[in-house]
Amino acid sequence: MPLQRFLNADIAIGKGWPDPLNAKRPPLGGTADSAPLQDPNMGLWPPGFSCTNVLRTVVVILFSLQAFVLATAAPSSAHFYTIHWNSSNPIFRIDNTDNIIDVNRDNLKFEYDQVNLICPVYTPGTRDDEMEKYIIYNVSKDEYETCRITNPNPRIIAVCDKPYKLMYFTITFRPFTPQPGGLEFLP
């Protein structure tokens, strides 16, 4: 029976679960019936805490951390491209067809490719006639193929007019946009 009294004290401390950190053990060399039961609030944890509550909190934190890691470390098929928007870039040569970008190919439902358009940058002292400045428009397929803007109010995507400053514009290829007036690209 003395051992039963000791086990009942453990269960009472942990409110149904044994509490190995708060359970009061007999002194070294003693027996369970020779050690008086101590106040359950006099332990490693502050009053009102139990090992069960702490373990439950640790488990919740570990599951939350695992969910976060899995959500952020999942493999993505989205691609990120960089295009230097200047005449020396070989993708703008008329005879070059190797640099076609097929956006959102094999992407998952909510994965969208992005392109960073980087404007030309020059060092101070470069002559004006050596600098490239561009206005980049959003055009229709027909305007693209004829290399002619027919829309009286064309949509401007980027203005590269500060040759001494690094400027870039990011385009995300998605069928809808969360931004008012943002670009939308249908498949």
N, C-alpha and C. Protein backbone atom coordinates (compact mmCIF):
# COMPACT_ATOMS: atom_id res chain seq x y z
N MET A 1 0.79 -1.21 0.00
CA MET A 1 0.00 0.00 0.00
C MET A 1 0.83 1.27 0.00
N PRO A 2 2.00 1.29 0.64
CA PRO A 2 2.77 2.53 0.58
C PRO A 2 3.14 2.90 -0.85
N LEU A 3 3.43 1.92 -1.71
CA LEU A 3 3.76 2.21 -3.10
C LEU A 3 2.53 2.78 -3.83
N GLN A 4 1.35 2.26 -3.52
CA GLN A 4 0.12 2.78 -4.12
C GLN A 4 -0.09 4.24 -3.74
N ARG A 5 0.23 4.61 -2.49
CA ARG A 5 0.08 5.99 -2.05
C ARG A 5 1.02 6.89 -2.85
N PHE A 6 2.23 6.41 -3.14
CA PHE A 6 3.21 7.16 -3.92
C PHE A 6 2.72 7.34 -5.36
N LEU A 7 2.20 6.30 -5.99
CA LEU A 7 1.69 6.39 -7.35
C LEU A 7 0.48 7.32 -7.42
N ASN A 8 -0.40 7.26 -6.44
CA ASN A 8 -1.55 8.17 -6.42
C ASN A 8 -1.11 9.62 -6.33
N ALA A 9 -0.04 9.89 -5.62
CA ALA A 9 0.47 11.26 -5.54
C ALA A 9 0.95 11.72 -6.90
N ASP A 10 1.61 10.84 -7.67
CA ASP A 10 2.05 11.20 -9.02
C ASP A 10 0.87 11.54 -9.92
N ILE A 11 -0.17 10.75 -9.85
CA ILE A 11 -1.33 10.98 -10.71
C ILE A 11 -2.05 12.26 -10.31
N ALA A 12 -2.12 12.55 -9.05
CA ALA A 12 -2.78 13.77 -8.58
C ALA A 12 -2.02 15.00 -9.04
N ILE A 13 -0.70 14.95 -9.03
CA ILE A 13 0.10 16.10 -9.44
C ILE A 13 -0.11 16.39 -10.92
N GLY A 14 -0.10 15.33 -11.76
CA GLY A 14 -0.21 15.51 -13.20
C GLY A 14 -1.63 15.55 -13.70
N LYS A 15 -2.62 15.56 -12.84
CA LYS A 15 -4.03 15.60 -13.24
C LYS A 15 -4.35 14.48 -14.22
N GLY A 16 -3.98 13.27 -13.87
CA GLY A 16 -4.32 12.14 -14.71
C GLY A 16 -3.12 11.52 -15.40
N TRP A 17 -2.03 12.25 -15.48
CA TRP A 17 -0.82 11.72 -16.10
C TRP A 17 0.30 11.75 -15.07
N PRO A 18 1.14 10.74 -15.06
CA PRO A 18 2.28 10.79 -14.15
C PRO A 18 3.16 11.98 -14.49
N ASP A 19 3.66 12.64 -13.48
CA ASP A 19 4.49 13.83 -13.66
C ASP A 19 5.87 13.55 -13.08
N PRO A 20 6.80 13.01 -13.90
CA PRO A 20 8.09 12.60 -13.35
C PRO A 20 8.93 13.77 -12.84
N LEU A 21 8.72 14.97 -13.34
CA LEU A 21 9.54 16.08 -12.88
C LEU A 21 9.04 16.66 -11.56
N ASN A 22 7.74 16.65 -11.33
CA ASN A 22 7.17 17.21 -10.11
C ASN A 22 6.95 16.18 -9.01
N ALA A 23 6.95 14.91 -9.38
CA ALA A 23 6.66 13.87 -8.38
C ALA A 23 7.73 13.88 -7.30
N LYS A 24 7.31 13.82 -6.06
CA LYS A 24 8.24 13.85 -4.93
C LYS A 24 8.67 12.43 -4.61
N ARG A 25 9.92 12.18 -4.71
CA ARG A 25 10.49 10.86 -4.50
C ARG A 25 11.01 10.74 -3.07
N PRO A 26 11.10 9.54 -2.59
CA PRO A 26 11.66 9.37 -1.24
C PRO A 26 13.12 9.77 -1.23
N PRO A 27 13.65 10.19 -0.12
CA PRO A 27 15.07 10.53 -0.04
C PRO A 27 15.91 9.31 -0.36
N LEU A 28 17.15 9.56 -0.77
CA LEU A 28 18.05 8.45 -1.09
C LEU A 28 18.17 7.53 0.10
N GLY A 29 18.08 6.25 -0.15
CA GLY A 29 18.20 5.26 0.91
C GLY A 29 16.91 5.02 1.64
N GLY A 30 15.86 5.80 1.38
CA GLY A 30 14.59 5.64 2.08
C GLY A 30 13.64 4.79 1.27
N THR A 31 12.46 4.61 1.77
CA THR A 31 11.42 3.87 1.07
C THR A 31 10.24 4.79 0.82
N ALA A 32 9.33 4.32 0.00
CA ALA A 32 8.18 5.15 -0.35
C ALA A 32 7.32 5.45 0.86
N ASP A 33 7.22 4.51 1.84
CA ASP A 33 6.36 4.77 2.99
C ASP A 33 7.05 5.61 4.06
N SER A 34 8.39 5.76 3.97
CA SER A 34 9.08 6.58 4.96
C SER A 34 9.15 8.04 4.56
N ALA A 35 8.87 8.35 3.29
CA ALA A 35 8.96 9.74 2.82
C ALA A 35 7.58 10.37 2.87
N PRO A 36 7.45 11.50 3.54
CA PRO A 36 6.15 12.16 3.56
C PRO A 36 5.86 12.76 2.19
N LEU A 37 4.60 12.81 1.84
CA LEU A 37 4.23 13.48 0.59
C LEU A 37 4.44 14.97 0.76
N GLN A 38 5.03 15.58 -0.28
CA GLN A 38 5.30 17.02 -0.21
C GLN A 38 4.22 17.77 -0.96
N ASP A 39 4.20 19.07 -0.75
CA ASP A 39 3.25 19.94 -1.42
C ASP A 39 3.49 19.87 -2.93
N PRO A 40 2.49 19.59 -3.77
CA PRO A 40 2.71 19.49 -5.21
C PRO A 40 3.11 20.81 -5.84
N ASN A 41 2.87 21.95 -5.18
CA ASN A 41 3.27 23.24 -5.73
C ASN A 41 4.73 23.55 -5.49
N MET A 42 5.41 22.73 -4.78
CA MET A 42 6.82 22.97 -4.47
C MET A 42 7.66 22.08 -5.38
N GLY A 43 7.79 22.41 -6.62
CA GLY A 43 8.54 21.58 -7.54
C GLY A 43 9.31 22.42 -8.53
N LEU A 44 9.67 21.77 -9.62
CA LEU A 44 10.43 22.42 -10.67
C LEU A 44 9.60 23.48 -11.40
N TRP A 45 8.30 23.26 -11.54
CA TRP A 45 7.43 24.17 -12.27
C TRP A 45 6.71 25.10 -11.30
N PRO A 46 6.33 26.28 -11.75
CA PRO A 46 5.55 27.20 -10.91
C PRO A 46 4.19 26.60 -10.59
N PRO A 47 3.51 27.12 -9.59
CA PRO A 47 2.19 26.60 -9.24
C PRO A 47 1.24 26.67 -10.44
N GLY A 48 0.46 25.62 -10.62
CA GLY A 48 -0.50 25.57 -11.71
C GLY A 48 0.03 24.90 -12.96
N PHE A 49 1.33 24.71 -13.08
CA PHE A 49 1.92 24.06 -14.24
C PHE A 49 2.12 22.59 -13.94
N SER A 50 2.08 21.81 -14.98
CA SER A 50 2.39 20.40 -14.83
C SER A 50 3.22 19.98 -16.03
N CYS A 51 3.84 18.86 -15.91
CA CYS A 51 4.65 18.34 -17.01
C CYS A 51 3.76 18.09 -18.23
N THR A 52 2.53 17.71 -18.00
CA THR A 52 1.60 17.47 -19.10
C THR A 52 1.36 18.73 -19.92
N ASN A 53 1.15 19.85 -19.25
CA ASN A 53 0.93 21.11 -19.96
C ASN A 53 2.16 21.52 -20.76
N VAL A 54 3.32 21.34 -20.16
CA VAL A 54 4.57 21.71 -20.85
C VAL A 54 4.78 20.82 -22.06
N LEU A 55 4.58 19.51 -21.90
CA LEU A 55 4.75 18.59 -23.02
C LEU A 55 3.75 18.89 -24.13
N ARG A 56 2.53 19.21 -23.77
CA ARG A 56 1.51 19.54 -24.77
C ARG A 56 1.95 20.79 -25.55
N THR A 57 2.46 21.79 -24.87
CA THR A 57 2.93 23.01 -25.53
C THR A 57 4.11 22.71 -26.45
N VAL A 58 5.04 21.89 -26.00
CA VAL A 58 6.20 21.54 -26.83
C VAL A 58 5.75 20.80 -28.08
N VAL A 59 4.80 19.89 -27.95
CA VAL A 59 4.31 19.14 -29.11
C VAL A 59 3.64 20.09 -30.11
N VAL A 60 2.84 21.03 -29.63
CA VAL A 60 2.18 21.99 -30.52
C VAL A 60 3.22 22.83 -31.25
N ILE A 61 4.24 23.28 -30.54
CA ILE A 61 5.30 24.09 -31.17
C ILE A 61 6.04 23.27 -32.22
N LEU A 62 6.36 22.02 -31.91
CA LEU A 62 7.09 21.18 -32.87
C LEU A 62 6.25 20.92 -34.12
N PHE A 63 4.96 20.64 -33.96
CA PHE A 63 4.11 20.44 -35.13
C PHE A 63 3.99 21.71 -35.96
N SER A 64 3.87 22.85 -35.31
CA SER A 64 3.79 24.12 -36.03
C SER A 64 5.08 24.39 -36.80
N LEU A 65 6.21 24.13 -36.17
CA LEU A 65 7.49 24.32 -36.84
C LEU A 65 7.63 23.38 -38.02
N GLN A 66 7.22 22.15 -37.86
CA GLN A 66 7.30 21.18 -38.94
C GLN A 66 6.41 21.62 -40.11
N ALA A 67 5.22 22.08 -39.83
CA ALA A 67 4.32 22.54 -40.90
C ALA A 67 4.91 23.74 -41.63
N PHE A 68 5.52 24.65 -40.89
CA PHE A 68 6.15 25.82 -41.51
C PHE A 68 7.30 25.40 -42.42
N VAL A 69 8.15 24.51 -41.94
CA VAL A 69 9.30 24.05 -42.73
C VAL A 69 8.83 23.34 -43.98
N LEU A 70 7.85 22.48 -43.86
CA LEU A 70 7.35 21.76 -45.03
C LEU A 70 6.69 22.70 -46.04
N ALA A 71 6.01 23.72 -45.56
CA ALA A 71 5.34 24.66 -46.46
C ALA A 71 6.34 25.53 -47.20
N THR A 72 7.42 25.91 -46.55
CA THR A 72 8.38 26.81 -47.19
C THR A 72 9.47 26.06 -47.94
N ALA A 73 9.68 24.80 -47.63
CA ALA A 73 10.76 24.05 -48.28
C ALA A 73 10.24 23.14 -49.38
N ALA A 74 8.97 23.23 -49.69
CA ALA A 74 8.40 22.38 -50.73
C ALA A 74 9.02 22.74 -52.07
N PRO A 75 9.28 21.74 -52.89
CA PRO A 75 9.87 22.04 -54.19
C PRO A 75 8.91 22.87 -55.03
N SER A 76 9.46 23.80 -55.76
CA SER A 76 8.65 24.69 -56.58
C SER A 76 9.10 24.57 -58.02
N SER A 77 8.15 24.63 -58.93
CA SER A 77 8.52 24.58 -60.33
C SER A 77 8.50 25.97 -60.97
N ALA A 78 8.22 27.00 -60.18
CA ALA A 78 8.23 28.37 -60.70
C ALA A 78 9.65 28.77 -61.08
N HIS A 79 9.77 29.56 -62.12
CA HIS A 79 11.08 30.01 -62.60
C HIS A 79 11.19 31.52 -62.45
N PHE A 80 12.42 31.96 -62.26
CA PHE A 80 12.71 33.39 -62.13
C PHE A 80 13.76 33.74 -63.17
N TYR A 81 13.42 34.63 -64.06
CA TYR A 81 14.31 34.99 -65.17
C TYR A 81 14.78 36.43 -64.99
N THR A 82 15.95 36.70 -65.54
CA THR A 82 16.51 38.05 -65.55
C THR A 82 16.83 38.40 -66.99
N ILE A 83 16.31 39.52 -67.45
CA ILE A 83 16.58 39.99 -68.81
C ILE A 83 17.20 41.37 -68.72
N HIS A 84 18.40 41.50 -69.23
CA HIS A 84 19.06 42.81 -69.33
C HIS A 84 18.53 43.46 -70.60
N TRP A 85 17.78 44.54 -70.42
CA TRP A 85 17.07 45.17 -71.53
C TRP A 85 17.99 46.18 -72.20
N ASN A 86 18.89 45.67 -73.07
CA ASN A 86 19.77 46.54 -73.84
C ASN A 86 20.10 45.88 -75.17
N SER A 87 20.60 46.67 -76.10
CA SER A 87 20.82 46.17 -77.47
C SER A 87 21.96 45.16 -77.55
N SER A 88 22.82 45.10 -76.57
CA SER A 88 23.92 44.12 -76.62
C SER A 88 23.50 42.74 -76.12
N ASN A 89 22.29 42.61 -75.59
CA ASN A 89 21.81 41.32 -75.12
C ASN A 89 21.47 40.45 -76.33
N PRO A 90 22.06 39.24 -76.44
CA PRO A 90 21.84 38.40 -77.62
C PRO A 90 20.40 37.92 -77.80
N ILE A 91 19.58 37.98 -76.77
CA ILE A 91 18.20 37.51 -76.97
C ILE A 91 17.41 38.43 -77.88
N PHE A 92 17.90 39.65 -78.10
CA PHE A 92 17.19 40.59 -78.97
C PHE A 92 17.66 40.53 -80.42
N ARG A 93 18.61 39.67 -80.71
CA ARG A 93 19.05 39.54 -82.10
C ARG A 93 17.96 38.83 -82.90
N ILE A 94 17.73 39.28 -84.10
CA ILE A 94 16.65 38.72 -84.93
C ILE A 94 16.92 37.28 -85.33
N ASP A 95 18.19 36.91 -85.43
CA ASP A 95 18.53 35.54 -85.84
C ASP A 95 18.60 34.57 -84.65
N ASN A 96 18.36 35.05 -83.46
CA ASN A 96 18.47 34.22 -82.26
C ASN A 96 17.08 33.76 -81.82
N THR A 97 16.83 32.48 -81.94
CA THR A 97 15.55 31.92 -81.49
C THR A 97 15.74 30.97 -80.31
N ASP A 98 16.94 30.95 -79.75
CA ASP A 98 17.23 30.05 -78.63
C ASP A 98 16.70 30.57 -77.30
N ASN A 99 16.39 31.84 -77.23
CA ASN A 99 16.05 32.44 -75.94
C ASN A 99 14.56 32.71 -75.79
N ILE A 100 13.76 31.78 -76.23
CA ILE A 100 12.32 31.92 -76.04
C ILE A 100 11.99 31.41 -74.64
N ILE A 101 11.26 32.21 -73.90
CA ILE A 101 10.89 31.85 -72.53
C ILE A 101 9.43 31.39 -72.55
N ASP A 102 9.21 30.15 -72.20
CA ASP A 102 7.86 29.60 -72.12
C ASP A 102 7.42 29.68 -70.67
N VAL A 103 6.68 30.71 -70.33
CA VAL A 103 6.36 30.97 -68.92
C VAL A 103 5.27 30.03 -68.40
N ASN A 104 5.37 29.75 -67.11
CA ASN A 104 4.41 28.94 -66.36
C ASN A 104 4.24 27.53 -66.91
N ARG A 105 5.24 27.03 -67.57
CA ARG A 105 5.18 25.66 -68.09
C ARG A 105 5.45 24.68 -66.96
N ASP A 106 4.59 23.70 -66.80
CA ASP A 106 4.70 22.65 -65.78
C ASP A 106 4.64 23.21 -64.36
N ASN A 107 4.08 24.38 -64.18
CA ASN A 107 3.94 24.93 -62.83
C ASN A 107 2.70 24.35 -62.16
N LEU A 108 2.72 24.36 -60.84
CA LEU A 108 1.54 23.96 -60.08
C LEU A 108 0.50 25.08 -60.15
N LYS A 109 -0.67 24.84 -59.58
CA LYS A 109 -1.80 25.76 -59.75
C LYS A 109 -1.49 27.20 -59.33
N PHE A 110 -0.82 27.39 -58.21
CA PHE A 110 -0.56 28.75 -57.73
C PHE A 110 0.91 29.11 -57.78
N GLU A 111 1.62 28.62 -58.78
CA GLU A 111 3.02 28.98 -58.99
C GLU A 111 3.11 29.77 -60.29
N TYR A 112 3.77 30.90 -60.23
CA TYR A 112 3.85 31.76 -61.39
C TYR A 112 5.29 32.18 -61.62
N ASP A 113 5.71 32.14 -62.88
CA ASP A 113 7.05 32.57 -63.22
C ASP A 113 7.15 34.09 -63.13
N GLN A 114 8.39 34.55 -62.90
CA GLN A 114 8.64 35.99 -62.83
C GLN A 114 9.82 36.34 -63.72
N VAL A 115 9.79 37.55 -64.23
CA VAL A 115 10.89 38.08 -65.03
C VAL A 115 11.28 39.43 -64.44
N ASN A 116 12.57 39.61 -64.23
CA ASN A 116 13.10 40.91 -63.84
C ASN A 116 13.70 41.56 -65.09
N LEU A 117 13.14 42.68 -65.48
CA LEU A 117 13.69 43.46 -66.60
C LEU A 117 14.65 44.47 -66.01
N ILE A 118 15.92 44.36 -66.37
CA ILE A 118 16.95 45.25 -65.83
C ILE A 118 17.31 46.29 -66.88
N CYS A 119 17.14 47.54 -66.52
CA CYS A 119 17.44 48.65 -67.42
C CYS A 119 18.95 48.82 -67.57
N PRO A 120 19.39 49.39 -68.70
CA PRO A 120 20.82 49.64 -68.88
C PRO A 120 21.35 50.63 -67.84
N VAL A 121 22.56 50.37 -67.34
CA VAL A 121 23.20 51.23 -66.35
C VAL A 121 24.56 51.65 -66.92
N TYR A 122 24.89 52.91 -66.73
CA TYR A 122 26.15 53.44 -67.25
C TYR A 122 26.92 54.15 -66.15
N THR A 123 28.22 54.22 -66.34
CA THR A 123 29.07 54.93 -65.39
C THR A 123 29.02 56.42 -65.71
N PRO A 124 29.18 57.25 -64.69
CA PRO A 124 29.21 58.70 -64.95
C PRO A 124 30.32 59.03 -65.95
N GLY A 125 30.01 59.93 -66.84
CA GLY A 125 30.97 60.33 -67.86
C GLY A 125 30.67 59.70 -69.21
N THR A 126 29.73 58.77 -69.27
CA THR A 126 29.34 58.16 -70.55
C THR A 126 28.57 59.20 -71.36
N ARG A 127 28.91 59.30 -72.63
CA ARG A 127 28.25 60.28 -73.49
C ARG A 127 26.78 59.91 -73.71
N ASP A 128 25.94 60.92 -73.89
CA ASP A 128 24.50 60.70 -74.08
C ASP A 128 24.19 59.84 -75.30
N ASP A 129 24.97 60.01 -76.37
CA ASP A 129 24.68 59.23 -77.58
C ASP A 129 25.07 57.76 -77.44
N GLU A 130 25.78 57.39 -76.37
CA GLU A 130 26.14 55.99 -76.12
C GLU A 130 25.16 55.31 -75.15
N MET A 131 24.28 56.08 -74.55
CA MET A 131 23.34 55.53 -73.57
C MET A 131 22.06 55.07 -74.25
N GLU A 132 21.51 53.98 -73.72
CA GLU A 132 20.23 53.47 -74.20
C GLU A 132 19.15 53.78 -73.18
N LYS A 133 18.05 54.31 -73.67
CA LYS A 133 16.88 54.58 -72.83
C LYS A 133 15.68 53.96 -73.52
N TYR A 134 14.81 53.33 -72.72
CA TYR A 134 13.69 52.60 -73.31
C TYR A 134 12.39 52.87 -72.57
N ILE A 135 11.32 52.74 -73.34
CA ILE A 135 9.97 52.64 -72.77
C ILE A 135 9.46 51.27 -73.20
N ILE A 136 9.09 50.45 -72.24
CA ILE A 136 8.65 49.09 -72.52
C ILE A 136 7.13 49.05 -72.39
N TYR A 137 6.47 48.57 -73.45
CA TYR A 137 5.01 48.56 -73.52
C TYR A 137 4.45 47.15 -73.40
N ASN A 138 3.23 47.06 -72.94
CA ASN A 138 2.46 45.83 -72.99
C ASN A 138 1.68 45.87 -74.30
N VAL A 139 1.97 44.95 -75.20
CA VAL A 139 1.37 44.99 -76.54
C VAL A 139 0.59 43.71 -76.81
N SER A 140 -0.26 43.78 -77.81
CA SER A 140 -1.01 42.60 -78.24
C SER A 140 -0.10 41.72 -79.09
N LYS A 141 -0.57 40.52 -79.39
CA LYS A 141 0.23 39.61 -80.22
C LYS A 141 0.44 40.21 -81.61
N ASP A 142 -0.60 40.83 -82.16
CA ASP A 142 -0.48 41.45 -83.48
C ASP A 142 0.52 42.60 -83.45
N GLU A 143 0.47 43.43 -82.43
CA GLU A 143 1.43 44.54 -82.31
C GLU A 143 2.85 44.01 -82.16
N TYR A 144 2.99 42.92 -81.44
CA TYR A 144 4.32 42.32 -81.27
C TYR A 144 4.85 41.80 -82.60
N GLU A 145 4.01 41.07 -83.33
CA GLU A 145 4.46 40.45 -84.58
C GLU A 145 4.75 41.48 -85.66
N THR A 146 4.04 42.60 -85.67
CA THR A 146 4.29 43.63 -86.68
C THR A 146 5.27 44.70 -86.19
N CYS A 147 5.63 44.61 -84.92
CA CYS A 147 6.56 45.58 -84.31
C CYS A 147 6.03 47.00 -84.47
N ARG A 148 4.73 47.15 -84.23
CA ARG A 148 4.08 48.44 -84.38
C ARG A 148 2.98 48.57 -83.34
N ILE A 149 2.98 49.69 -82.63
CA ILE A 149 1.96 49.94 -81.63
C ILE A 149 0.79 50.63 -82.31
N THR A 150 -0.38 49.98 -82.27
CA THR A 150 -1.57 50.55 -82.91
C THR A 150 -2.56 51.10 -81.89
N ASN A 151 -2.41 50.74 -80.64
CA ASN A 151 -3.29 51.23 -79.58
C ASN A 151 -2.97 52.71 -79.33
N PRO A 152 -3.98 53.59 -79.36
CA PRO A 152 -3.70 55.01 -79.14
C PRO A 152 -3.23 55.31 -77.72
N ASN A 153 -3.59 54.47 -76.77
CA ASN A 153 -3.14 54.63 -75.38
C ASN A 153 -2.45 53.35 -74.91
N PRO A 154 -1.24 53.11 -75.37
CA PRO A 154 -0.58 51.86 -75.01
C PRO A 154 -0.23 51.81 -73.53
N ARG A 155 -0.24 50.62 -73.00
CA ARG A 155 0.07 50.42 -71.57
C ARG A 155 1.58 50.34 -71.39
N ILE A 156 2.11 51.23 -70.57
CA ILE A 156 3.56 51.25 -70.31
C ILE A 156 3.86 50.31 -69.14
N ILE A 157 4.83 49.44 -69.38
CA ILE A 157 5.27 48.49 -68.34
C ILE A 157 6.44 49.08 -67.56
N ALA A 158 7.39 49.65 -68.27
CA ALA A 158 8.60 50.16 -67.62
C ALA A 158 9.16 51.33 -68.42
N VAL A 159 9.79 52.23 -67.70
CA VAL A 159 10.49 53.36 -68.33
C VAL A 159 11.92 53.32 -67.83
N CYS A 160 12.83 53.06 -68.75
CA CYS A 160 14.26 53.02 -68.43
C CYS A 160 14.87 54.35 -68.87
N ASP A 161 14.78 55.35 -68.01
CA ASP A 161 15.24 56.69 -68.39
C ASP A 161 16.25 57.28 -67.40
N LYS A 162 16.76 56.47 -66.49
CA LYS A 162 17.77 56.94 -65.54
C LYS A 162 19.03 56.09 -65.72
N PRO A 163 19.87 56.46 -66.67
CA PRO A 163 21.00 55.59 -67.05
C PRO A 163 22.08 55.42 -65.98
N TYR A 164 22.12 56.27 -64.97
CA TYR A 164 23.15 56.15 -63.93
C TYR A 164 22.64 55.41 -62.69
N LYS A 165 21.40 55.00 -62.73
CA LYS A 165 20.79 54.35 -61.56
C LYS A 165 20.35 52.94 -61.95
N LEU A 166 20.62 51.97 -61.06
CA LEU A 166 20.15 50.61 -61.30
C LEU A 166 18.63 50.59 -61.14
N MET A 167 17.95 50.20 -62.20
CA MET A 167 16.49 50.11 -62.18
C MET A 167 16.08 48.75 -62.74
N TYR A 168 15.11 48.14 -62.10
CA TYR A 168 14.56 46.90 -62.65
C TYR A 168 13.07 46.86 -62.36
N PHE A 169 12.38 46.10 -63.18
CA PHE A 169 10.94 45.95 -63.07
C PHE A 169 10.62 44.47 -63.08
N THR A 170 9.80 44.03 -62.14
CA THR A 170 9.45 42.62 -62.02
C THR A 170 8.05 42.40 -62.56
N ILE A 171 7.95 41.41 -63.44
CA ILE A 171 6.66 41.02 -64.00
C ILE A 171 6.36 39.60 -63.54
N THR A 172 5.19 39.41 -62.96
CA THR A 172 4.75 38.08 -62.56
C THR A 172 3.67 37.64 -63.54
N PHE A 173 3.86 36.47 -64.13
CA PHE A 173 2.93 35.97 -65.14
C PHE A 173 1.85 35.13 -64.47
N ARG A 174 0.69 35.76 -64.26
CA ARG A 174 -0.44 35.08 -63.64
C ARG A 174 -1.73 35.53 -64.31
N PRO A 175 -2.76 34.66 -64.28
CA PRO A 175 -4.01 35.01 -64.97
C PRO A 175 -4.86 36.02 -64.22
N PHE A 176 -4.52 36.31 -63.00
CA PHE A 176 -5.24 37.33 -62.22
C PHE A 176 -4.19 38.07 -61.39
N THR A 177 -4.53 39.24 -60.94
CA THR A 177 -3.57 40.01 -60.14
C THR A 177 -4.24 40.50 -58.87
N PRO A 178 -3.51 40.48 -57.76
CA PRO A 178 -4.07 41.02 -56.52
C PRO A 178 -3.98 42.54 -56.45
N GLN A 179 -3.28 43.14 -57.41
CA GLN A 179 -3.09 44.59 -57.40
C GLN A 179 -4.04 45.26 -58.40
N PRO A 180 -4.68 46.32 -58.00
CA PRO A 180 -5.52 47.05 -58.95
C PRO A 180 -4.68 47.58 -60.11
N GLY A 181 -5.12 47.32 -61.31
CA GLY A 181 -4.40 47.79 -62.48
C GLY A 181 -3.17 46.97 -62.82
N GLY A 182 -2.96 45.84 -62.15
CA GLY A 182 -1.80 44.99 -62.42
C GLY A 182 -1.95 44.23 -63.72
N LEU A 183 -0.85 43.65 -64.17
CA LEU A 183 -0.86 42.90 -65.43
C LEU A 183 -1.45 41.51 -65.21
N GLU A 184 -2.21 41.06 -66.20
CA GLU A 184 -2.77 39.71 -66.18
C GLU A 184 -2.42 39.03 -67.50
N PHE A 185 -1.96 37.79 -67.41
CA PHE A 185 -1.54 37.04 -68.59
C PHE A 185 -2.33 35.75 -68.65
N LEU A 186 -3.18 35.64 -69.65
CA LEU A 186 -3.99 34.43 -69.82
C LEU A 186 -3.19 33.41 -70.62
N PRO A 187 -3.40 32.12 -70.32
CA PRO A 187 -2.64 31.08 -71.05
C PRO A 187 -3.05 31.00 -72.51
